[in-house]
Amino acid sequence: MADQVIAPVSVPVNKTTDAVTGVSLTAANDGVITPVSDKMVVILYDAGGAGGTVLIKAGTEGALSGQGDITVTLGAGETKAICVESARVKALSGTDKGKIRLDASANTTAWAYAL
């Protein structure tokens, strides 16, 4: 399984960002975000047209990581946004130290924005 880097975009107050390209995820490759703030907005789009799920994996050793993975269910062609806290989903140890991991069950396009 190959990791796909989802580079977070910082959104300035009262300004727009440059054009942003989503990152393609499949059941064979995970998305990995290195957060640049404690709260991130993750946008997920069902690119395959058949729906699916994306697990935002619980972090390790974080104050809220014991709450477990976050499951986002996407209907066919659907787009959803979720604000995640690093205390719940950022790994603090292991090979993913400092990262947030997304595990998609189907073709999904993902973006990450720092608040």
PDB file of N, CA and C in Angstrom:
ATOM      1  N   MET A   1       0.845  -1.167   0.000  1.00  0.00           N
ATOM      2  CA  MET A   1       0.000   0.000   0.000  1.00  0.00           C
ATOM      3  C   MET A   1       0.895   1.236   0.000  1.00  0.00           C
ATOM      4  N   ALA A   2       0.704   2.128  -0.944  1.00  0.00           N
ATOM      5  CA  ALA A   2       1.491   3.353  -1.050  1.00  0.00           C
ATOM      6  C   ALA A   2       0.742   4.509  -0.396  1.00  0.00           C
ATOM      7  N   ASP A   3       1.480   5.351   0.293  1.00  0.00           N
ATOM      8  CA  ASP A   3       0.876   6.541   0.906  1.00  0.00           C
ATOM      9  C   ASP A   3       0.828   7.675  -0.100  1.00  0.00           C
ATOM     10  N   GLN A   4      -0.274   8.422  -0.080  1.00  0.00           N
ATOM     11  CA  GLN A   4      -0.430   9.620  -0.895  1.00  0.00           C
ATOM     12  C   GLN A   4      -0.405  10.821   0.048  1.00  0.00           C
ATOM     13  N   VAL A   5       0.524  11.731  -0.170  1.00  0.00           N
ATOM     14  CA  VAL A   5       0.657  12.900   0.696  1.00  0.00           C
ATOM     15  C   VAL A   5      -0.426  13.917   0.337  1.00  0.00           C
ATOM     16  N   ILE A   6      -1.187  14.306   1.339  1.00  0.00           N
ATOM     17  CA  ILE A   6      -2.197  15.358   1.188  1.00  0.00           C
ATOM     18  C   ILE A   6      -1.622  16.588   1.888  1.00  0.00           C
ATOM     19  N   ALA A   7      -1.075  17.507   1.118  1.00  0.00           N
ATOM     20  CA  ALA A   7      -0.441  18.693   1.696  1.00  0.00           C
ATOM     21  C   ALA A   7      -1.520  19.673   2.161  1.00  0.00           C
ATOM     22  N   PRO A   8      -1.513  20.021   3.455  1.00  0.00           N
ATOM     23  CA  PRO A   8      -2.528  20.945   3.940  1.00  0.00           C
ATOM     24  C   PRO A   8      -2.308  22.354   3.401  1.00  0.00           C
ATOM     25  N   VAL A   9      -3.397  23.021   3.116  1.00  0.00           N
ATOM     26  CA  VAL A   9      -3.372  24.393   2.626  1.00  0.00           C
ATOM     27  C   VAL A   9      -3.805  25.298   3.761  1.00  0.00           C
ATOM     28  N   SER A  10      -3.004  26.308   4.060  1.00  0.00           N
ATOM     29  CA  SER A  10      -3.396  27.294   5.074  1.00  0.00           C
ATOM     30  C   SER A  10      -4.328  28.302   4.428  1.00  0.00           C
ATOM     31  N   VAL A  11      -5.444  28.556   5.079  1.00  0.00           N
ATOM     32  CA  VAL A  11      -6.440  29.482   4.552  1.00  0.00           C
ATOM     33  C   VAL A  11      -6.309  30.797   5.308  1.00  0.00           C
ATOM     34  N   PRO A  12      -5.851  31.854   4.634  1.00  0.00           N
ATOM     35  CA  PRO A  12      -5.717  33.138   5.304  1.00  0.00           C
ATOM     36  C   PRO A  12      -7.082  33.787   5.535  1.00  0.00           C
ATOM     37  N   VAL A  13      -7.177  34.561   6.583  1.00  0.00           N
ATOM     38  CA  VAL A  13      -8.429  35.257   6.899  1.00  0.00           C
ATOM     39  C   VAL A  13      -8.703  36.322   5.834  1.00  0.00           C
ATOM     40  N   ASN A  14      -9.930  36.323   5.337  1.00  0.00           N
ATOM     41  CA  ASN A  14     -10.401  37.302   4.358  1.00  0.00           C
ATOM     42  C   ASN A  14      -9.631  37.289   3.038  1.00  0.00           C
ATOM     43  N   LYS A  15      -9.024  36.154   2.723  1.00  0.00           N
ATOM     44  CA  LYS A  15      -8.320  36.005   1.454  1.00  0.00           C
ATOM     45  C   LYS A  15      -8.626  34.628   0.895  1.00  0.00           C
ATOM     46  N   THR A  16      -8.426  34.473  -0.394  1.00  0.00           N
ATOM     47  CA  THR A  16      -8.613  33.158  -1.001  1.00  0.00           C
ATOM     48  C   THR A  16      -7.270  32.439  -1.092  1.00  0.00           C
ATOM     49  N   THR A  17      -7.341  31.154  -1.279  1.00  0.00           N
ATOM     50  CA  THR A  17      -6.124  30.381  -1.507  1.00  0.00           C
ATOM     51  C   THR A  17      -5.853  30.332  -3.001  1.00  0.00           C
ATOM     52  N   ASP A  18      -4.682  29.857  -3.360  1.00  0.00           N
ATOM     53  CA  ASP A  18      -4.414  29.562  -4.764  1.00  0.00           C
ATOM     54  C   ASP A  18      -5.252  28.344  -5.137  1.00  0.00           C
ATOM     55  N   ALA A  19      -5.283  28.013  -6.411  1.00  0.00           N
ATOM     56  CA  ALA A  19      -6.004  26.819  -6.854  1.00  0.00           C
ATOM     57  C   ALA A  19      -5.444  25.599  -6.133  1.00  0.00           C
ATOM     58  N   VAL A  20      -6.330  24.703  -5.730  1.00  0.00           N
ATOM     59  CA  VAL A  20      -5.935  23.537  -4.961  1.00  0.00           C
ATOM     60  C   VAL A  20      -6.348  22.282  -5.714  1.00  0.00           C
ATOM     61  N   THR A  21      -5.423  21.338  -5.826  1.00  0.00           N
ATOM     62  CA  THR A  21      -5.695  20.066  -6.489  1.00  0.00           C
ATOM     63  C   THR A  21      -5.878  18.987  -5.437  1.00  0.00           C
ATOM     64  N   GLY A  22      -6.935  18.215  -5.556  1.00  0.00           N
ATOM     65  CA  GLY A  22      -7.177  17.121  -4.632  1.00  0.00           C
ATOM     66  C   GLY A  22      -6.228  15.960  -4.884  1.00  0.00           C
ATOM     67  N   VAL A  23      -6.137  15.093  -3.888  1.00  0.00           N
ATOM     68  CA  VAL A  23      -5.275  13.913  -3.966  1.00  0.00           C
ATOM     69  C   VAL A  23      -6.159  12.677  -4.087  1.00  0.00           C
ATOM     70  N   SER A  24      -5.836  11.805  -5.037  1.00  0.00           N
ATOM     71  CA  SER A  24      -6.625  10.596  -5.271  1.00  0.00           C
ATOM     72  C   SER A  24      -6.240   9.493  -4.297  1.00  0.00           C
ATOM     73  N   LEU A  25      -7.254   8.934  -3.651  1.00  0.00           N
ATOM     74  CA  LEU A  25      -7.072   7.800  -2.750  1.00  0.00           C
ATOM     75  C   LEU A  25      -7.883   6.627  -3.289  1.00  0.00           C
ATOM     76  N   THR A  26      -7.412   5.421  -3.035  1.00  0.00           N
ATOM     77  CA  THR A  26      -8.140   4.207  -3.399  1.00  0.00           C
ATOM     78  C   THR A  26      -8.037   3.241  -2.228  1.00  0.00           C
ATOM     79  N   ALA A  27      -8.651   2.099  -2.372  1.00  0.00           N
ATOM     80  CA  ALA A  27      -8.537   1.075  -1.340  1.00  0.00           C
ATOM     81  C   ALA A  27      -7.097   0.578  -1.220  1.00  0.00           C
ATOM     82  N   ALA A  28      -6.272   0.820  -2.243  1.00  0.00           N
ATOM     83  CA  ALA A  28      -4.893   0.337  -2.235  1.00  0.00           C
ATOM     84  C   ALA A  28      -3.887   1.364  -1.730  1.00  0.00           C
ATOM     85  N   ASN A  29      -4.313   2.604  -1.498  1.00  0.00           N
ATOM     86  CA  ASN A  29      -3.369   3.594  -0.990  1.00  0.00           C
ATOM     87  C   ASN A  29      -4.038   4.533   0.010  1.00  0.00           C
ATOM     88  N   ASP A  30      -3.337   4.794   1.099  1.00  0.00           N
ATOM     89  CA  ASP A  30      -3.840   5.678   2.154  1.00  0.00           C
ATOM     90  C   ASP A  30      -3.421   7.116   1.879  1.00  0.00           C
ATOM     91  N   GLY A  31      -4.180   8.044   2.447  1.00  0.00           N
ATOM     92  CA  GLY A  31      -3.795   9.444   2.439  1.00  0.00           C
ATOM     93  C   GLY A  31      -3.121   9.770   3.754  1.00  0.00           C
ATOM     94  N   VAL A  32      -2.088  10.610   3.700  1.00  0.00           N
ATOM     95  CA  VAL A  32      -1.367  10.998   4.898  1.00  0.00           C
ATOM     96  C   VAL A  32      -1.235  12.517   4.915  1.00  0.00           C
ATOM     97  N   ILE A  33      -1.663  13.114   6.026  1.00  0.00           N
ATOM     98  CA  ILE A  33      -1.594  14.563   6.212  1.00  0.00           C
ATOM     99  C   ILE A  33      -0.631  14.849   7.356  1.00  0.00           C
ATOM    100  N   THR A  34       0.293  15.773   7.148  1.00  0.00           N
ATOM    101  CA  THR A  34       1.103  16.291   8.248  1.00  0.00           C
ATOM    102  C   THR A  34       0.473  17.622   8.636  1.00  0.00           C
ATOM    103  N   PRO A  35      -0.285  17.638   9.744  1.00  0.00           N
ATOM    104  CA  PRO A  35      -1.047  18.839  10.077  1.00  0.00           C
ATOM    105  C   PRO A  35      -0.137  20.018  10.421  1.00  0.00           C
ATOM    106  N   VAL A  36      -0.609  21.206  10.056  1.00  0.00           N
ATOM    107  CA  VAL A  36       0.123  22.434  10.359  1.00  0.00           C
ATOM    108  C   VAL A  36      -0.612  23.276  11.410  1.00  0.00           C
ATOM    109  N   SER A  37      -1.719  22.755  11.901  1.00  0.00           N
ATOM    110  CA  SER A  37      -2.455  23.404  12.986  1.00  0.00           C
ATOM    111  C   SER A  37      -3.197  22.324  13.769  1.00  0.00           C
ATOM    112  N   ASP A  38      -3.743  22.687  14.927  1.00  0.00           N
ATOM    113  CA  ASP A  38      -4.433  21.709  15.767  1.00  0.00           C
ATOM    114  C   ASP A  38      -5.779  21.276  15.197  1.00  0.00           C
ATOM    115  N   LYS A  39      -6.356  22.096  14.336  1.00  0.00           N
ATOM    116  CA  LYS A  39      -7.634  21.750  13.698  1.00  0.00           C
ATOM    117  C   LYS A  39      -7.467  21.842  12.194  1.00  0.00           C
ATOM    118  N   MET A  40      -7.940  20.798  11.526  1.00  0.00           N
ATOM    119  CA  MET A  40      -7.857  20.724  10.071  1.00  0.00           C
ATOM    120  C   MET A  40      -9.250  20.420   9.518  1.00  0.00           C
ATOM    121  N   VAL A  41      -9.562  21.007   8.380  1.00  0.00           N
ATOM    122  CA  VAL A  41     -10.777  20.635   7.664  1.00  0.00           C
ATOM    123  C   VAL A  41     -10.362  19.707   6.525  1.00  0.00           C
ATOM    124  N   VAL A  42     -10.964  18.537   6.490  1.00  0.00           N
ATOM    125  CA  VAL A  42     -10.690  17.564   5.434  1.00  0.00           C
ATOM    126  C   VAL A  42     -11.931  17.488   4.554  1.00  0.00           C
ATOM    127  N   ILE A  43     -11.736  17.691   3.256  1.00  0.00           N
ATOM    128  CA  ILE A  43     -12.814  17.589   2.271  1.00  0.00           C
ATOM    129  C   ILE A  43     -12.645  16.256   1.554  1.00  0.00           C
ATOM    130  N   LEU A  44     -13.726  15.498   1.444  1.00  0.00           N
ATOM    131  CA  LEU A  44     -13.698  14.185   0.805  1.00  0.00           C
ATOM    132  C   LEU A  44     -14.767  14.128  -0.279  1.00  0.00           C
ATOM    133  N   TYR A  45     -14.385  13.651  -1.453  1.00  0.00           N
ATOM    134  CA  TYR A  45     -15.300  13.546  -2.592  1.00  0.00           C
ATOM    135  C   TYR A  45     -15.268  12.120  -3.131  1.00  0.00           C
ATOM    136  N   ASP A  46     -16.433  11.520  -3.326  1.00  0.00           N
ATOM    137  CA  ASP A  46     -16.524  10.182  -3.898  1.00  0.00           C
ATOM    138  C   ASP A  46     -16.268  10.274  -5.398  1.00  0.00           C
ATOM    139  N   ALA A  47     -15.022  10.050  -5.795  1.00  0.00           N
ATOM    140  CA  ALA A  47     -14.628  10.178  -7.198  1.00  0.00           C
ATOM    141  C   ALA A  47     -15.020   8.973  -8.038  1.00  0.00           C
ATOM    142  N   GLY A  48     -15.302   7.841  -7.398  1.00  0.00           N
ATOM    143  CA  GLY A  48     -15.646   6.626  -8.138  1.00  0.00           C
ATOM    144  C   GLY A  48     -17.105   6.543  -8.529  1.00  0.00           C
ATOM    145  N   GLY A  49     -17.942   7.359  -7.903  1.00  0.00           N
ATOM    146  CA  GLY A  49     -19.356   7.378  -8.247  1.00  0.00           C
ATOM    147  C   GLY A  49     -20.186   6.264  -7.652  1.00  0.00           C
ATOM    148  N   ALA A  50     -19.601   5.442  -6.791  1.00  0.00           N
ATOM    149  CA  ALA A  50     -20.355   4.328  -6.205  1.00  0.00           C
ATOM    150  C   ALA A  50     -20.491   4.444  -4.688  1.00  0.00           C
ATOM    151  N   GLY A  51     -19.920   5.494  -4.114  1.00  0.00           N
ATOM    152  CA  GLY A  51     -19.963   5.647  -2.666  1.00  0.00           C
ATOM    153  C   GLY A  51     -18.884   4.815  -1.993  1.00  0.00           C
ATOM    154  N   GLY A  52     -18.733   5.036  -0.717  1.00  0.00           N
ATOM    155  CA  GLY A  52     -17.734   4.300   0.051  1.00  0.00           C
ATOM    156  C   GLY A  52     -17.521   4.957   1.401  1.00  0.00           C
ATOM    157  N   THR A  53     -16.506   4.521   2.096  1.00  0.00           N
ATOM    158  CA  THR A  53     -16.189   5.104   3.398  1.00  0.00           C
ATOM    159  C   THR A  53     -14.723   5.523   3.436  1.00  0.00           C
ATOM    160  N   VAL A  54     -14.458   6.494   4.291  1.00  0.00           N
ATOM    161  CA  VAL A  54     -13.091   6.900   4.588  1.00  0.00           C
ATOM    162  C   VAL A  54     -12.948   6.859   6.098  1.00  0.00           C
ATOM    163  N   LEU A  55     -11.952   6.112   6.570  1.00  0.00           N
ATOM    164  CA  LEU A  55     -11.637   6.099   7.995  1.00  0.00           C
ATOM    165  C   LEU A  55     -10.531   7.102   8.232  1.00  0.00           C
ATOM    166  N   ILE A  56     -10.782   8.033   9.132  1.00  0.00           N
ATOM    167  CA  ILE A  56      -9.724   8.908   9.612  1.00  0.00           C
ATOM    168  C   ILE A  56      -9.249   8.230  10.886  1.00  0.00           C
ATOM    169  N   LYS A  57      -8.060   7.646  10.803  1.00  0.00           N
ATOM    170  CA  LYS A  57      -7.580   6.768  11.857  1.00  0.00           C
ATOM    171  C   LYS A  57      -7.298   7.531  13.144  1.00  0.00           C
ATOM    172  N   ALA A  58      -7.649   6.915  14.275  1.00  0.00           N
ATOM    173  CA  ALA A  58      -7.351   7.499  15.580  1.00  0.00           C
ATOM    174  C   ALA A  58      -5.838   7.610  15.729  1.00  0.00           C
ATOM    175  N   GLY A  59      -5.411   8.663  16.363  1.00  0.00           N
ATOM    176  CA  GLY A  59      -3.991   8.849  16.618  1.00  0.00           C
ATOM    177  C   GLY A  59      -3.505   7.915  17.712  1.00  0.00           C
ATOM    178  N   THR A  60      -2.252   8.071  18.052  1.00  0.00           N
ATOM    179  CA  THR A  60      -1.669   7.289  19.132  1.00  0.00           C
ATOM    180  C   THR A  60      -1.299   8.224  20.263  1.00  0.00           C
ATOM    181  N   GLU A  61      -1.699   7.892  21.452  1.00  0.00           N
ATOM    182  CA  GLU A  61      -1.325   8.592  22.678  1.00  0.00           C
ATOM    183  C   GLU A  61      -1.890   9.997  22.819  1.00  0.00           C
ATOM    184  N   GLY A  62      -2.709  10.466  21.902  1.00  0.00           N
ATOM    185  CA  GLY A  62      -3.299  11.790  22.011  1.00  0.00           C
ATOM    186  C   GLY A  62      -4.383  11.817  23.074  1.00  0.00           C
ATOM    187  N   ALA A  63      -4.685  13.018  23.568  1.00  0.00           N
ATOM    188  CA  ALA A  63      -5.670  13.170  24.636  1.00  0.00           C
ATOM    189  C   ALA A  63      -7.035  12.604  24.262  1.00  0.00           C
ATOM    190  N   LEU A  64      -7.389  12.648  22.979  1.00  0.00           N
ATOM    191  CA  LEU A  64      -8.708  12.182  22.529  1.00  0.00           C
ATOM    192  C   LEU A  64      -8.636  10.943  21.643  1.00  0.00           C
ATOM    193  N   SER A  65      -7.449  10.365  21.472  1.00  0.00           N
ATOM    194  CA  SER A  65      -7.297   9.239  20.546  1.00  0.00           C
ATOM    195  C   SER A  65      -8.091   8.010  20.973  1.00  0.00           C
ATOM    196  N   GLY A  66      -8.400   7.893  22.259  1.00  0.00           N
ATOM    197  CA  GLY A  66      -9.179   6.765  22.748  1.00  0.00           C
ATOM    198  C   GLY A  66     -10.607   6.736  22.222  1.00  0.00           C
ATOM    199  N   GLN A  67     -11.052   7.840  21.608  1.00  0.00           N
ATOM    200  CA  GLN A  67     -12.394   7.876  21.029  1.00  0.00           C
ATOM    201  C   GLN A  67     -12.474   7.074  19.736  1.00  0.00           C
ATOM    202  N   GLY A  68     -11.328   6.672  19.202  1.00  0.00           N
ATOM    203  CA  GLY A  68     -11.317   5.788  18.041  1.00  0.00           C
ATOM    204  C   GLY A  68     -11.324   6.502  16.703  1.00  0.00           C
ATOM    205  N   ASP A  69     -11.382   5.688  15.655  1.00  0.00           N
ATOM    206  CA  ASP A  69     -11.407   6.190  14.285  1.00  0.00           C
ATOM    207  C   ASP A  69     -12.675   7.000  14.039  1.00  0.00           C
ATOM    208  N   ILE A  70     -12.599   7.873  13.042  1.00  0.00           N
ATOM    209  CA  ILE A  70     -13.780   8.612  12.575  1.00  0.00           C
ATOM    210  C   ILE A  70     -14.146   8.029  11.215  1.00  0.00           C
ATOM    211  N   THR A  71     -15.379   7.583  11.058  1.00  0.00           N
ATOM    212  CA  THR A  71     -15.837   7.019   9.787  1.00  0.00           C
ATOM    213  C   THR A  71     -16.679   8.055   9.054  1.00  0.00           C
ATOM    214  N   VAL A  72     -16.287   8.364   7.823  1.00  0.00           N
ATOM    215  CA  VAL A  72     -17.053   9.267   6.965  1.00  0.00           C
ATOM    216  C   VAL A  72     -17.625   8.421   5.839  1.00  0.00           C
ATOM    217  N   THR A  73     -18.949   8.376   5.738  1.00  0.00           N
ATOM    218  CA  THR A  73     -19.623   7.614   4.687  1.00  0.00           C
ATOM    219  C   THR A  73     -20.010   8.564   3.563  1.00  0.00           C
ATOM    220  N   LEU A  74     -19.586   8.227   2.345  1.00  0.00           N
ATOM    221  CA  LEU A  74     -19.887   9.043   1.169  1.00  0.00           C
ATOM    222  C   LEU A  74     -20.861   8.301   0.271  1.00  0.00           C
ATOM    223  N   GLY A  75     -21.940   8.971  -0.090  1.00  0.00           N
ATOM    224  CA  GLY A  75     -22.848   8.426  -1.090  1.00  0.00           C
ATOM    225  C   GLY A  75     -22.261   8.634  -2.479  1.00  0.00           C
ATOM    226  N   ALA A  76     -22.876   8.065  -3.483  1.00  0.00           N
ATOM    227  CA  ALA A  76     -22.394   8.179  -4.865  1.00  0.00           C
ATOM    228  C   ALA A  76     -22.252   9.644  -5.265  1.00  0.00           C
ATOM    229  N   GLY A  77     -21.045  10.049  -5.644  1.00  0.00           N
ATOM    230  CA  GLY A  77     -20.786  11.406  -6.100  1.00  0.00           C
ATOM    231  C   GLY A  77     -20.834  12.469  -5.021  1.00  0.00           C
ATOM    232  N   GLU A  78     -20.911  12.066  -3.780  1.00  0.00           N
ATOM    233  CA  GLU A  78     -21.095  13.003  -2.669  1.00  0.00           C
ATOM    234  C   GLU A  78     -19.773  13.618  -2.201  1.00  0.00           C
ATOM    235  N   THR A  79     -19.855  14.844  -1.692  1.00  0.00           N
ATOM    236  CA  THR A  79     -18.724  15.539  -1.089  1.00  0.00           C
ATOM    237  C   THR A  79     -19.079  15.875   0.348  1.00  0.00           C
ATOM    238  N   LYS A  80     -18.147  15.626   1.275  1.00  0.00           N
ATOM    239  CA  LYS A  80     -18.367  15.967   2.681  1.00  0.00           C
ATOM    240  C   LYS A  80     -17.123  16.644   3.237  1.00  0.00           C
ATOM    241  N   ALA A  81     -17.323  17.458   4.256  1.00  0.00           N
ATOM    242  CA  ALA A  81     -16.231  18.117   4.965  1.00  0.00           C
ATOM    243  C   ALA A  81     -16.308  17.732   6.433  1.00  0.00           C
ATOM    244  N   ILE A  82     -15.152  17.585   7.060  1.00  0.00           N
ATOM    245  CA  ILE A  82     -15.107  17.286   8.484  1.00  0.00           C
ATOM    246  C   ILE A  82     -13.939  18.054   9.091  1.00  0.00           C
ATOM    247  N   CYS A  83     -14.177  18.657  10.241  1.00  0.00           N
ATOM    248  CA  CYS A  83     -13.122  19.328  10.993  1.00  0.00           C
ATOM    249  C   CYS A  83     -12.589  18.334  12.015  1.00  0.00           C
ATOM    250  N   VAL A  84     -11.285  18.062  11.971  1.00  0.00           N
ATOM    251  CA  VAL A  84     -10.684  17.100  12.889  1.00  0.00           C
ATOM    252  C   VAL A  84      -9.680  17.803  13.802  1.00  0.00           C
ATOM    253  N   GLU A  85      -9.583  17.294  15.024  1.00  0.00           N
ATOM    254  CA  GLU A  85      -8.623  17.809  15.998  1.00  0.00           C
ATOM    255  C   GLU A  85      -7.426  16.873  16.055  1.00  0.00           C
ATOM    256  N   SER A  86      -6.245  17.446  16.085  1.00  0.00           N
ATOM    257  CA  SER A  86      -5.052  16.605  16.130  1.00  0.00           C
ATOM    258  C   SER A  86      -4.999  15.774  17.409  1.00  0.00           C
ATOM    259  N   ALA A  87      -5.617  16.236  18.492  1.00  0.00           N
ATOM    260  CA  ALA A  87      -5.616  15.470  19.749  1.00  0.00           C
ATOM    261  C   ALA A  87      -6.296  14.117  19.582  1.00  0.00           C
ATOM    262  N   ARG A  88      -7.156  13.988  18.593  1.00  0.00           N
ATOM    263  CA  ARG A  88      -7.846  12.719  18.359  1.00  0.00           C
ATOM    264  C   ARG A  88      -7.200  11.886  17.254  1.00  0.00           C
ATOM    265  N   VAL A  89      -6.695  12.530  16.208  1.00  0.00           N
ATOM    266  CA  VAL A  89      -6.313  11.768  15.019  1.00  0.00           C
ATOM    267  C   VAL A  89      -4.835  11.824  14.642  1.00  0.00           C
ATOM    268  N   LYS A  90      -4.036  12.607  15.314  1.00  0.00           N
ATOM    269  CA  LYS A  90      -2.607  12.685  14.973  1.00  0.00           C
ATOM    270  C   LYS A  90      -1.810  11.653  15.764  1.00  0.00           C
ATOM    271  N   ALA A  91      -0.979  10.902  15.067  1.00  0.00           N
ATOM    272  CA  ALA A  91      -0.118   9.913  15.727  1.00  0.00           C
ATOM    273  C   ALA A  91       1.015  10.646  16.441  1.00  0.00           C
ATOM    274  N   LEU A  92       1.244  10.275  17.687  1.00  0.00           N
ATOM    275  CA  LEU A  92       2.325  10.883  18.465  1.00  0.00           C
ATOM    276  C   LEU A  92       3.521   9.959  18.609  1.00  0.00           C
ATOM    277  N   SER A  93       3.401   8.746  18.063  1.00  0.00           N
ATOM    278  CA  SER A  93       4.513   7.800  18.117  1.00  0.00           C
ATOM    279  C   SER A  93       4.398   6.836  16.940  1.00  0.00           C
ATOM    280  N   GLY A  94       5.421   6.028  16.749  1.00  0.00           N
ATOM    281  CA  GLY A  94       5.397   5.025  15.687  1.00  0.00           C
ATOM    282  C   GLY A  94       5.800   5.589  14.336  1.00  0.00           C
ATOM    283  N   THR A  95       5.596   4.792  13.289  1.00  0.00           N
ATOM    284  CA  THR A  95       6.023   5.189  11.948  1.00  0.00           C
ATOM    285  C   THR A  95       5.223   6.369  11.398  1.00  0.00           C
ATOM    286  N   ASP A  96       4.024   6.598  11.923  1.00  0.00           N
ATOM    287  CA  ASP A  96       3.194   7.723  11.474  1.00  0.00           C
ATOM    288  C   ASP A  96       3.314   8.940  12.387  1.00  0.00           C
ATOM    289  N   LYS A  97       4.335   8.994  13.223  1.00  0.00           N
ATOM    290  CA  LYS A  97       4.473  10.090  14.186  1.00  0.00           C
ATOM    291  C   LYS A  97       4.323  11.440  13.485  1.00  0.00           C
ATOM    292  N   GLY A  98       3.407  12.273  14.028  1.00  0.00           N
ATOM    293  CA  GLY A  98       3.167  13.599  13.482  1.00  0.00           C
ATOM    294  C   GLY A  98       2.209  13.649  12.314  1.00  0.00           C
ATOM    295  N   LYS A  99       1.585  12.513  11.978  1.00  0.00           N
ATOM    296  CA  LYS A  99       0.729  12.455  10.788  1.00  0.00           C
ATOM    297  C   LYS A  99      -0.699  12.035  11.126  1.00  0.00           C
ATOM    298  N   ILE A 100      -1.602  12.357  10.199  1.00  0.00           N
ATOM    299  CA  ILE A 100      -2.989  11.903  10.225  1.00  0.00           C
ATOM    300  C   ILE A 100      -3.151  10.955   9.046  1.00  0.00           C
ATOM    301  N   ARG A 101      -3.747   9.778   9.269  1.00  0.00           N
ATOM    302  CA  ARG A 101      -3.885   8.764   8.223  1.00  0.00           C
ATOM    303  C   ARG A 101      -5.351   8.590   7.828  1.00  0.00           C
ATOM    304  N   LEU A 102      -5.613   8.599   6.508  1.00  0.00           N
ATOM    305  CA  LEU A 102      -6.937   8.364   5.943  1.00  0.00           C
ATOM    306  C   LEU A 102      -6.916   7.058   5.167  1.00  0.00           C
ATOM    307  N   ASP A 103      -7.899   6.220   5.414  1.00  0.00           N
ATOM    308  CA  ASP A 103      -8.002   4.916   4.764  1.00  0.00           C
ATOM    309  C   ASP A 103      -9.329   4.865   4.001  1.00  0.00           C
ATOM    310  N   ALA A 104      -9.257   4.952   2.665  1.00  0.00           N
ATOM    311  CA  ALA A 104     -10.466   4.977   1.831  1.00  0.00           C
ATOM    312  C   ALA A 104     -10.815   3.575   1.353  1.00  0.00           C
ATOM    313  N   SER A 105     -12.112   3.274   1.286  1.00  0.00           N
ATOM    314  CA  SER A 105     -12.558   1.970   0.783  1.00  0.00           C
ATOM    315  C   SER A 105     -12.786   1.981  -0.723  1.00  0.00           C
ATOM    316  N   ALA A 106     -12.839   3.168  -1.318  1.00  0.00           N
ATOM    317  CA  ALA A 106     -13.131   3.300  -2.749  1.00  0.00           C
ATOM    318  C   ALA A 106     -12.441   4.556  -3.273  1.00  0.00           C
ATOM    319  N   ASN A 107     -12.548   4.798  -4.575  1.00  0.00           N
ATOM    320  CA  ASN A 107     -11.915   5.971  -5.171  1.00  0.00           C
ATOM    321  C   ASN A 107     -12.469   7.249  -4.554  1.00  0.00           C
ATOM    322  N   THR A 108     -11.578   8.005  -3.940  1.00  0.00           N
ATOM    323  CA  THR A 108     -11.941   9.220  -3.219  1.00  0.00           C
ATOM    324  C   THR A 108     -10.907  10.292  -3.526  1.00  0.00           C
ATOM    325  N   THR A 109     -11.352  11.540  -3.628  1.00  0.00           N
ATOM    326  CA  THR A 109     -10.429  12.663  -3.744  1.00  0.00           C
ATOM    327  C   THR A 109     -10.467  13.411  -2.417  1.00  0.00           C
ATOM    328  N   ALA A 110      -9.285  13.783  -1.919  1.00  0.00           N
ATOM    329  CA  ALA A 110      -9.196  14.422  -0.608  1.00  0.00           C
ATOM    330  C   ALA A 110      -8.396  15.721  -0.670  1.00  0.00           C
ATOM    331  N   TRP A 111      -8.819  16.681   0.161  1.00  0.00           N
ATOM    332  CA  TRP A 111      -8.122  17.944   0.354  1.00  0.00           C
ATOM    333  C   TRP A 111      -8.027  18.174   1.862  1.00  0.00           C
ATOM    334  N   ALA A 112      -7.020  18.943   2.288  1.00  0.00           N
ATOM    335  CA  ALA A 112      -6.883  19.290   3.709  1.00  0.00           C
ATOM    336  C   ALA A 112      -6.602  20.781   3.834  1.00  0.00           C
ATOM    337  N   TYR A 113      -7.309  21.412   4.755  1.00  0.00           N
ATOM    338  CA  TYR A 113      -7.155  22.848   4.979  1.00  0.00           C
ATOM    339  C   TYR A 113      -6.882  23.114   6.456  1.00  0.00           C
ATOM    340  N   ALA A 114      -5.913  23.968   6.727  1.00  0.00           N
ATOM    341  CA  ALA A 114      -5.591  24.350   8.103  1.00  0.00           C
ATOM    342  C   ALA A 114      -6.435  25.554   8.485  1.00  0.00           C
ATOM    343  N   LEU A 115      -6.980  25.511   9.700  1.00  0.00           N
ATOM    344  CA  LEU A 115      -7.772  26.638  10.196  1.00  0.00           C
ATOM    345  C   LEU A 115      -6.891  27.594  10.966  1.00  0.00           C
TER     346      LEU A 115
END
